[in-house]
Amino acid sequence: MVEKSSFVCGACADGSCSVVMAAPGRSPGLPSRGYQVFSHVLVGQGNFCAYNFLHARDSNCINKERIFWAGKCMDVAFWIDQQMLASEAAFVRHLVMGLRSEGQKITFIAPQGVDLSSLPTLGSRVLTYRWNRWERLPVLQKLRLNAVARELNDSPPDVMVVWGSADPLAKLFSQMVPGVPVVVWCWDASELFSPIVRMKSVRHIIASSQAIKERVPANWAGGPVTVVRPGVYCDDQLACYDVPEQLPCLVSLDPLSDRLPYEALLRSCRMMADQSQEYLLFAYDTGHEEYPIWQLAKNLGVLDRVSFVPFQQDAEPLMLHGDLYIHILPVGRVQYRTLEAMGRGLAVVTCPNHGADYLDDGQTCRVVGPQTAESWRDALMELTCDRPKATAIARRGQEYVRENHSMGRTLEQFGSICRQAAGVAIPLGR
């Protein structure tokens, strides 16, 4: 007897299609594994979707249902750029380790001299090229990329993943390896209109939030756009005020090079100290702008309450022991560090971000409107004096991330998109 069951497609998370799966010839005493796809039907259209899956139950997955990459082992290449390493290195690390745990091969393409210590390069293919940011002649750029392009043409990956913020060199490189399909991952709505998205080899575009996808114009002529929310590993406990009677620990992981926002934050710290509110602030950078910020903290008399953490130092201890996470840069980019803080159980205090659909003022975070010292003071005083309110915001934020940003879900959707882009079908027999 054939047992059938329907599931929502992992690649089409909006529920526009349903997956009908079955386990032919399953014996009653065997574990419930090995579900094979009978059909993947687009609701209302009656034709077959390009996605093919092999389904199995996984007790380690949060939703208990995980679609594995089955059949052919894929080679996924990542084009490494500075924006990726500065903002989403932790996410790329989690994503790559998840792919490798499922047997996939990884290739990194990066310029020489770039520190890749934050990525799991051990056991992966790493290709480097000489790079000069001031080089503008296409002929010389091609010469620098020639060796890497020759190796990829001889042993091509199944798909190459490029961030939407990548420099134009990625577009030139894609033209040198025309046989490699490209998946572009956009973290900001402005990246939908970058030259990277218009490459001929682009097969699919990933948007990190629904707010980014909604910015796609009606006359969009590019490839298909799918929302894949960046996955986060969540803790079971809240980090926000988990130690009674401990001073509030404020964590800010934005670079100190943005002096104006940090000046407003430090002045708000001075105002909090004037109101006899105790706290500790951890800032995150060792760039050339650290000394002016340090000098300002000294002049304001709050240097004993501020600690500067090296930029390349692992931020895990701050995420584990912090209470409030502060994001001070007014940008429209999805911030993975903010998602990590929510998953750890910190109460998030942030500026408005039109590209982040996970920010809900008063529910999952506290949004500061005008970027003034007085506004930051009011928000921080509110969550340092009213600890139950801060804990409630942290709990709702953690629950939201756990439900909408699970790493298992991200791997499922990303895997199906890569297989579709590469044209790899999963065999029905195994």
Protein backbone atom coordinates (compact mmCIF):
# COMPACT_ATOMS: atom_id res chain seq x y z
CA MET A 1 0.00 0.00 0.00
CA VAL A 2 1.29 3.47 -0.85
CA GLU A 3 1.12 6.08 1.86
CA LYS A 4 0.76 9.65 0.62
CA SER A 5 1.07 12.95 2.43
CA SER A 6 1.16 16.61 1.37
CA PHE A 7 3.64 19.24 2.49
CA VAL A 8 4.21 22.90 1.73
CA CYS A 9 7.05 23.28 -0.72
CA GLY A 10 10.29 24.49 0.86
CA ALA A 11 11.31 26.49 -2.20
CA CYS A 12 7.92 28.15 -2.66
CA ALA A 13 7.42 29.16 0.96
CA ASP A 14 4.44 31.31 0.11
CA GLY A 15 2.35 28.14 -0.19
CA SER A 16 1.62 28.55 -3.90
CA CYS A 17 2.29 24.87 -4.52
CA SER A 18 1.93 21.59 -2.71
CA VAL A 19 4.17 18.55 -2.67
CA VAL A 20 2.56 15.12 -2.89
CA MET A 21 4.94 12.47 -1.58
CA ALA A 22 4.73 8.76 -1.06
CA ALA A 23 6.67 5.86 0.37
CA PRO A 24 6.14 2.95 -2.01
CA GLY A 25 6.62 -0.51 -0.55
CA ARG A 26 7.43 0.67 2.96
CA SER A 27 7.52 -2.16 5.48
CA PRO A 28 5.61 -1.64 8.75
CA GLY A 29 8.65 -2.27 10.95
CA LEU A 30 11.06 0.10 9.19
CA PRO A 31 11.74 3.68 10.24
CA SER A 32 9.71 6.34 8.48
CA ARG A 33 12.40 7.42 6.01
CA GLY A 34 12.74 7.47 2.25
CA TYR A 35 9.72 9.46 1.14
CA GLN A 36 9.91 9.96 -2.62
CA VAL A 37 8.31 12.66 -4.68
CA PHE A 38 5.28 11.53 -6.70
CA SER A 39 4.53 15.00 -8.00
CA HIS A 40 5.09 18.64 -7.24
CA VAL A 41 2.01 20.39 -8.56
CA LEU A 42 1.57 24.13 -8.89
CA VAL A 43 -1.81 24.85 -7.34
CA GLY A 44 -4.28 26.24 -9.84
CA GLN A 45 -2.06 25.55 -12.85
CA GLY A 46 -1.97 21.76 -12.96
CA ASN A 47 1.55 21.45 -14.32
CA PHE A 48 4.68 20.10 -12.69
CA CYS A 49 7.06 22.36 -10.84
CA ALA A 50 10.78 22.21 -11.65
CA TYR A 51 11.63 21.36 -8.05
CA ASN A 52 12.13 17.69 -7.20
CA PHE A 53 12.82 16.51 -3.68
CA LEU A 54 13.49 13.43 -1.63
CA HIS A 55 11.92 13.84 1.78
CA ALA A 56 13.01 12.34 5.07
CA ARG A 57 12.18 12.99 8.68
CA ASP A 58 14.91 14.52 10.82
CA SER A 59 14.54 14.75 14.57
CA ASN A 60 17.18 17.50 14.69
CA CYS A 61 15.15 19.85 12.50
CA ILE A 62 12.91 22.29 14.32
CA ASN A 63 9.83 21.59 12.19
CA LYS A 64 10.60 17.83 12.16
CA GLU A 65 10.43 17.72 8.39
CA ARG A 66 13.56 18.26 6.34
CA ILE A 67 14.06 17.94 2.60
CA PHE A 68 17.56 16.61 1.98
CA TRP A 69 19.81 17.15 -0.99
CA ALA A 70 19.68 13.69 -2.46
CA GLY A 71 21.22 12.04 -5.48
CA LYS A 72 24.21 13.77 -7.06
CA CYS A 73 26.68 15.52 -4.75
CA MET A 74 26.79 19.19 -5.75
CA ASP A 75 29.69 21.61 -5.78
CA VAL A 76 28.55 25.05 -4.59
CA ALA A 77 30.95 27.96 -5.17
CA PHE A 78 30.86 31.19 -3.15
CA TRP A 79 32.22 34.44 -4.52
CA ILE A 80 33.78 36.16 -1.49
CA ASP A 81 33.69 39.95 -1.22
CA GLN A 82 34.44 42.43 1.55
CA GLN A 83 30.78 43.24 2.30
CA MET A 84 30.02 39.56 2.82
CA LEU A 85 32.93 39.11 5.23
CA ALA A 86 32.12 42.29 7.14
CA SER A 87 28.39 41.67 7.64
CA GLU A 88 27.40 38.07 6.88
CA ALA A 89 30.52 35.99 7.57
CA ALA A 90 28.77 34.20 10.45
CA PHE A 91 25.82 33.31 8.23
CA VAL A 92 28.06 32.04 5.42
CA ARG A 93 29.91 29.91 7.97
CA HIS A 94 26.67 28.34 9.24
CA LEU A 95 25.37 27.85 5.69
CA VAL A 96 28.57 26.20 4.45
CA MET A 97 28.79 23.89 7.44
CA GLY A 98 25.17 22.89 6.90
CA LEU A 99 25.86 22.11 3.24
CA ARG A 100 28.95 20.11 4.08
CA SER A 101 27.07 18.11 6.71
CA GLU A 102 24.76 17.00 3.89
CA GLY A 103 27.69 15.88 1.73
CA GLN A 104 27.98 18.88 -0.59
CA LYS A 105 31.31 20.22 -1.88
CA ILE A 106 32.27 23.85 -1.38
CA THR A 107 34.46 26.17 -3.46
CA PHE A 108 35.57 29.60 -2.28
CA ILE A 109 36.68 32.26 -4.79
CA ALA A 110 38.44 35.13 -3.04
CA PRO A 111 41.07 37.80 -3.69
CA GLN A 112 44.56 37.21 -2.34
CA GLY A 113 45.27 38.68 1.07
CA VAL A 114 41.68 38.50 2.32
CA ASP A 115 41.36 36.88 5.74
CA LEU A 116 39.20 33.76 5.36
CA SER A 117 39.72 32.54 8.94
CA SER A 118 36.06 33.20 9.74
CA LEU A 119 34.96 30.69 7.07
CA PRO A 120 35.27 26.87 7.22
CA THR A 121 37.78 26.53 4.38
CA LEU A 122 39.32 23.28 5.65
CA GLY A 123 38.42 20.51 3.21
CA SER A 124 37.08 22.97 0.64
CA ARG A 125 38.55 24.17 -2.65
CA VAL A 126 39.93 27.71 -2.28
CA LEU A 127 40.79 29.68 -5.43
CA THR A 128 42.47 33.07 -5.07
CA TYR A 129 43.29 35.78 -7.59
CA ARG A 130 45.42 38.90 -7.50
CA TRP A 131 43.26 41.92 -7.01
CA ASN A 132 43.75 45.68 -7.06
CA ARG A 133 40.73 47.78 -6.14
CA TRP A 134 42.06 50.68 -8.25
CA GLU A 135 42.43 48.60 -11.40
CA ARG A 136 39.84 49.68 -13.95
CA LEU A 137 41.16 48.33 -17.27
CA PRO A 138 39.11 45.23 -18.23
CA VAL A 139 42.11 43.67 -19.99
CA LEU A 140 44.22 43.72 -16.84
CA GLN A 141 41.29 42.53 -14.73
CA LYS A 142 40.85 39.52 -17.01
CA LEU A 143 44.54 38.73 -16.71
CA ARG A 144 44.21 38.61 -12.94
CA LEU A 145 41.20 36.31 -13.14
CA ASN A 146 42.47 34.13 -15.96
CA ALA A 147 44.00 31.34 -13.86
CA VAL A 148 40.90 30.95 -11.64
CA ALA A 149 38.57 31.05 -14.65
CA ARG A 150 40.64 28.39 -16.43
CA GLU A 151 40.40 26.06 -13.43
CA LEU A 152 36.66 26.55 -13.08
CA ASN A 153 36.13 25.91 -16.79
CA ASP A 154 38.11 22.68 -16.47
CA SER A 155 36.36 21.63 -13.23
CA PRO A 156 33.24 23.77 -12.95
CA PRO A 157 31.04 23.93 -9.85
CA ASP A 158 27.35 23.20 -10.25
CA VAL A 159 26.36 26.70 -9.16
CA MET A 160 28.03 29.91 -7.97
CA VAL A 161 26.52 32.07 -5.23
CA VAL A 162 27.23 35.81 -5.44
CA TRP A 163 26.15 38.49 -2.99
CA GLY A 164 24.22 41.36 -4.53
CA SER A 165 26.75 43.75 -2.99
CA ALA A 166 29.68 42.18 -4.86
CA ASP A 167 31.98 44.42 -6.86
CA PRO A 168 31.69 44.54 -10.70
CA LEU A 169 34.63 42.14 -10.92
CA ALA A 170 32.16 39.34 -10.18
CA LYS A 171 30.24 40.22 -13.35
CA LEU A 172 33.42 40.10 -15.41
CA PHE A 173 34.36 36.76 -13.88
CA SER A 174 30.92 35.33 -14.65
CA GLN A 175 31.44 36.22 -18.31
CA MET A 176 34.72 34.26 -18.26
CA VAL A 177 32.96 31.12 -16.94
CA PRO A 178 29.67 31.22 -18.89
CA GLY A 179 28.88 27.59 -18.15
CA VAL A 180 28.45 28.16 -14.40
CA PRO A 181 24.93 29.22 -13.38
CA VAL A 182 24.74 32.01 -10.79
CA VAL A 183 22.44 32.56 -7.82
CA VAL A 184 22.46 36.14 -6.49
CA TRP A 185 21.64 36.74 -2.80
CA CYS A 186 20.32 40.25 -2.09
CA TRP A 187 20.40 41.67 1.46
CA ASP A 188 19.29 45.18 0.49
CA ALA A 189 16.55 46.31 -1.89
CA SER A 190 19.03 48.49 -3.78
CA GLU A 191 20.96 45.36 -4.78
CA LEU A 192 18.03 44.27 -6.96
CA PHE A 193 19.12 46.99 -9.40
CA SER A 194 22.87 46.34 -9.27
CA PRO A 195 24.86 45.17 -12.34
CA ILE A 196 25.33 41.78 -10.66
CA VAL A 197 21.62 40.97 -10.98
CA ARG A 198 21.68 41.71 -14.72
CA MET A 199 24.33 39.09 -15.51
CA LYS A 200 23.28 36.67 -18.26
CA SER A 201 24.24 33.65 -16.18
CA VAL A 202 21.91 34.55 -13.29
CA ARG A 203 19.31 31.82 -12.85
CA HIS A 204 17.72 32.84 -9.55
CA ILE A 205 17.68 35.76 -7.13
CA ILE A 206 17.29 35.30 -3.38
CA ALA A 207 15.83 38.11 -1.25
CA SER A 208 16.63 38.02 2.47
CA SER A 209 13.26 39.45 3.47
CA GLN A 210 9.76 39.91 2.14
CA ALA A 211 10.26 43.68 2.30
CA ILE A 212 13.08 43.38 -0.23
CA LYS A 213 11.01 41.25 -2.61
CA GLU A 214 8.18 43.78 -2.47
CA ARG A 215 10.54 46.33 -4.01
CA VAL A 216 10.69 44.32 -7.24
CA PRO A 217 9.06 46.51 -9.92
CA ALA A 218 6.02 45.34 -11.85
CA ASN A 219 7.94 45.32 -15.14
CA TRP A 220 10.73 43.14 -13.68
CA ALA A 221 12.68 41.46 -16.47
CA GLY A 222 15.22 39.62 -14.34
CA GLY A 223 15.20 36.08 -13.02
CA PRO A 224 12.76 34.64 -10.48
CA VAL A 225 12.95 36.16 -6.98
CA THR A 226 12.40 33.97 -3.91
CA VAL A 227 12.43 35.00 -0.26
CA VAL A 228 14.86 32.91 1.80
CA ARG A 229 15.16 34.26 5.32
CA PRO A 230 18.69 33.86 6.74
CA GLY A 231 18.80 31.00 9.20
CA VAL A 232 19.83 31.49 12.81
CA TYR A 233 20.62 29.00 15.56
CA CYS A 234 18.56 29.90 18.63
CA ASP A 235 19.32 29.28 22.28
CA ASP A 236 16.84 27.65 24.62
CA GLN A 237 17.27 30.36 27.27
CA LEU A 238 17.13 34.14 27.17
CA ALA A 239 20.35 36.09 27.55
CA CYS A 240 18.52 39.29 28.48
CA TYR A 241 18.91 39.87 32.23
CA ASP A 242 19.52 36.19 32.88
CA VAL A 243 21.75 37.06 35.88
CA PRO A 244 19.84 38.90 38.64
CA GLU A 245 21.40 42.06 40.09
CA GLN A 246 23.98 42.24 37.29
CA LEU A 247 24.63 45.60 35.66
CA PRO A 248 22.89 46.00 32.29
CA CYS A 249 25.29 44.94 29.53
CA LEU A 250 24.83 46.91 26.30
CA VAL A 251 26.40 45.47 23.14
CA SER A 252 26.98 47.33 19.87
CA LEU A 253 28.74 45.53 17.02
CA ASP A 254 28.56 48.33 14.46
CA PRO A 255 31.92 49.67 13.19
CA LEU A 256 33.20 52.76 14.98
CA SER A 257 34.03 54.39 11.64
CA ASP A 258 30.47 55.74 11.59
CA ARG A 259 31.26 58.47 14.08
CA LEU A 260 28.05 60.49 14.07
CA PRO A 261 25.78 57.61 15.24
CA TYR A 262 28.31 56.61 17.88
CA GLU A 263 28.58 60.18 19.13
CA ALA A 264 24.82 60.26 19.67
CA LEU A 265 25.01 56.92 21.50
CA LEU A 266 27.86 58.04 23.77
CA ARG A 267 26.10 61.29 24.60
CA SER A 268 23.01 59.31 25.54
CA CYS A 269 25.23 57.21 27.82
CA ARG A 270 26.36 60.41 29.53
CA MET A 271 22.72 61.38 30.08
CA MET A 272 21.98 57.94 31.55
CA ALA A 273 24.91 58.31 33.93
CA ASP A 274 23.58 61.73 34.98
CA GLN A 275 20.34 59.98 35.94
CA SER A 276 22.31 57.49 38.08
CA GLN A 277 21.64 54.57 35.74
CA GLU A 278 24.46 52.02 35.89
CA TYR A 279 25.45 50.08 32.75
CA LEU A 280 28.37 48.69 30.72
CA LEU A 281 28.71 49.39 26.98
CA PHE A 282 30.78 47.17 24.68
CA ALA A 283 31.72 48.73 21.31
CA TYR A 284 33.14 46.62 18.51
CA ASP A 285 36.06 47.85 16.40
CA THR A 286 39.78 48.57 16.31
CA GLY A 287 39.74 50.70 13.19
CA HIS A 288 41.39 54.09 12.75
CA GLU A 289 38.29 55.78 14.14
CA GLU A 290 38.55 54.11 17.53
CA TYR A 291 40.75 56.81 19.08
CA PRO A 292 38.34 59.73 18.34
CA ILE A 293 35.49 57.70 19.87
CA TRP A 294 37.69 56.83 22.83
CA GLN A 295 38.60 60.51 23.22
CA LEU A 296 34.92 61.50 23.14
CA ALA A 297 34.10 58.91 25.81
CA LYS A 298 36.92 60.30 27.93
CA ASN A 299 35.74 63.89 27.51
CA LEU A 300 32.19 62.87 28.43
CA GLY A 301 33.41 61.03 31.52
CA VAL A 302 32.00 57.63 30.55
CA LEU A 303 35.25 55.86 29.72
CA ASP A 304 34.89 53.69 32.83
CA ARG A 305 31.60 52.38 31.42
CA VAL A 306 32.78 51.67 27.84
CA SER A 307 34.94 48.79 26.62
CA PHE A 308 36.32 48.43 23.08
CA VAL A 309 36.34 44.92 21.64
CA PRO A 310 38.64 43.96 18.71
CA PHE A 311 36.80 43.88 15.40
CA GLN A 312 37.97 40.39 14.40
CA GLN A 313 37.39 38.91 17.84
CA ASP A 314 34.64 36.35 18.13
CA ALA A 315 31.46 38.06 19.30
CA GLU A 316 29.96 34.93 20.86
CA PRO A 317 30.82 35.91 24.46
CA LEU A 318 29.08 39.26 23.98
CA MET A 319 26.01 37.53 22.59
CA LEU A 320 25.97 35.09 25.51
CA HIS A 321 26.44 37.61 28.32
CA GLY A 322 24.82 40.75 26.87
CA ASP A 323 21.38 42.04 27.79
CA LEU A 324 20.59 44.68 25.14
CA TYR A 325 21.84 44.64 21.54
CA ILE A 326 22.14 48.11 19.99
CA HIS A 327 22.15 48.69 16.24
CA ILE A 328 22.84 52.35 15.51
CA LEU A 329 23.44 52.54 11.75
CA PRO A 330 20.40 53.73 9.73
CA VAL A 331 20.59 51.31 6.79
CA GLY A 332 18.10 49.32 4.73
CA ARG A 333 20.14 46.14 4.78
CA VAL A 334 19.09 42.98 6.58
CA GLN A 335 21.42 42.74 9.57
CA TYR A 336 22.44 39.18 10.40
CA ARG A 337 24.04 40.25 13.69
CA THR A 338 20.66 41.58 14.80
CA LEU A 339 19.03 38.26 13.95
CA GLU A 340 21.76 36.45 15.90
CA ALA A 341 21.14 38.69 18.90
CA MET A 342 17.41 37.96 18.74
CA GLY A 343 18.12 34.24 18.52
CA ARG A 344 20.39 34.46 21.55
CA GLY A 345 17.64 36.17 23.51
CA LEU A 346 18.91 39.76 23.72
CA ALA A 347 16.49 42.68 23.64
CA VAL A 348 17.20 44.63 20.43
CA VAL A 349 17.28 48.44 20.33
CA THR A 350 17.65 49.62 16.75
CA CYS A 351 17.12 52.42 14.30
CA PRO A 352 14.46 52.07 11.56
CA ASN A 353 15.25 49.61 8.77
CA HIS A 354 12.79 49.40 5.86
CA GLY A 355 14.39 46.20 4.57
CA ALA A 356 14.01 44.22 7.80
CA ASP A 357 10.61 42.58 8.25
CA TYR A 358 11.68 41.05 11.58
CA LEU A 359 11.67 44.44 13.35
CA ASP A 360 8.35 45.20 15.04
CA ASP A 361 8.54 48.10 17.48
CA GLY A 362 7.35 47.11 20.93
CA GLN A 363 7.02 43.45 19.97
CA THR A 364 10.31 41.99 18.71
CA CYS A 365 12.46 45.09 19.31
CA ARG A 366 12.51 48.73 20.35
CA VAL A 367 12.88 51.08 17.38
CA VAL A 368 14.43 54.50 18.00
CA GLY A 369 12.92 57.12 15.70
CA PRO A 370 15.01 60.31 15.50
CA GLN A 371 18.71 59.48 15.73
CA THR A 372 19.40 61.91 18.57
CA ALA A 373 21.07 61.44 21.93
CA GLU A 374 17.77 62.14 23.69
CA SER A 375 15.93 59.44 21.72
CA TRP A 376 18.61 56.84 22.45
CA ARG A 377 18.60 57.82 26.12
CA ASP A 378 14.82 57.38 26.40
CA ALA A 379 14.87 53.97 24.72
CA LEU A 380 17.82 52.66 26.72
CA MET A 381 16.47 54.01 30.02
CA GLU A 382 13.14 52.33 29.27
CA LEU A 383 14.69 48.88 28.84
CA THR A 384 17.30 49.17 31.58
CA CYS A 385 14.87 50.40 34.23
CA ASP A 386 11.96 48.12 33.24
CA ARG A 387 13.63 44.70 33.04
CA PRO A 388 10.38 42.68 32.69
CA LYS A 389 9.49 44.72 29.59
CA ALA A 390 12.93 44.16 28.08
CA THR A 391 12.72 40.44 28.82
CA ALA A 392 9.28 40.22 27.19
CA ILE A 393 10.60 41.92 24.01
CA ALA A 394 13.60 39.58 23.96
CA ARG A 395 11.35 36.52 24.34
CA ARG A 396 9.03 37.58 21.51
CA GLY A 397 12.00 38.33 19.29
CA GLN A 398 13.53 34.94 19.99
CA GLU A 399 10.25 33.17 19.27
CA TYR A 400 9.89 35.06 15.98
CA VAL A 401 13.40 34.11 14.85
CA ARG A 402 12.90 30.49 15.90
CA GLU A 403 9.70 30.25 13.84
CA ASN A 404 10.75 32.24 10.76
CA HIS A 405 14.55 32.01 10.56
CA SER A 406 15.42 28.40 11.30
CA MET A 407 18.64 27.19 9.70
CA GLY A 408 16.98 23.94 8.63
CA ARG A 409 14.40 25.87 6.64
CA THR A 410 17.09 28.03 5.05
CA LEU A 411 19.13 25.02 3.95
CA GLU A 412 16.00 23.41 2.54
CA GLN A 413 15.05 26.41 0.42
CA PHE A 414 18.61 27.25 -0.60
CA GLY A 415 19.24 23.65 -1.65
CA SER A 416 16.18 23.49 -3.86
CA ILE A 417 17.04 26.80 -5.53
CA CYS A 418 20.60 25.69 -6.25
CA ARG A 419 19.39 22.43 -7.75
CA GLN A 420 16.91 24.23 -9.94
CA ALA A 421 19.58 26.71 -11.09
CA ALA A 422 22.00 23.88 -11.87
CA GLY A 423 19.32 21.78 -13.56
CA VAL A 424 20.05 18.82 -11.28
CA ALA A 425 17.13 16.40 -10.91
CA ILE A 426 16.83 13.98 -8.03
CA PRO A 427 16.32 10.37 -9.12
CA LEU A 428 13.17 8.64 -7.95
CA GLY A 429 15.09 5.50 -7.04
CA ARG A 430 17.79 5.46 -4.45
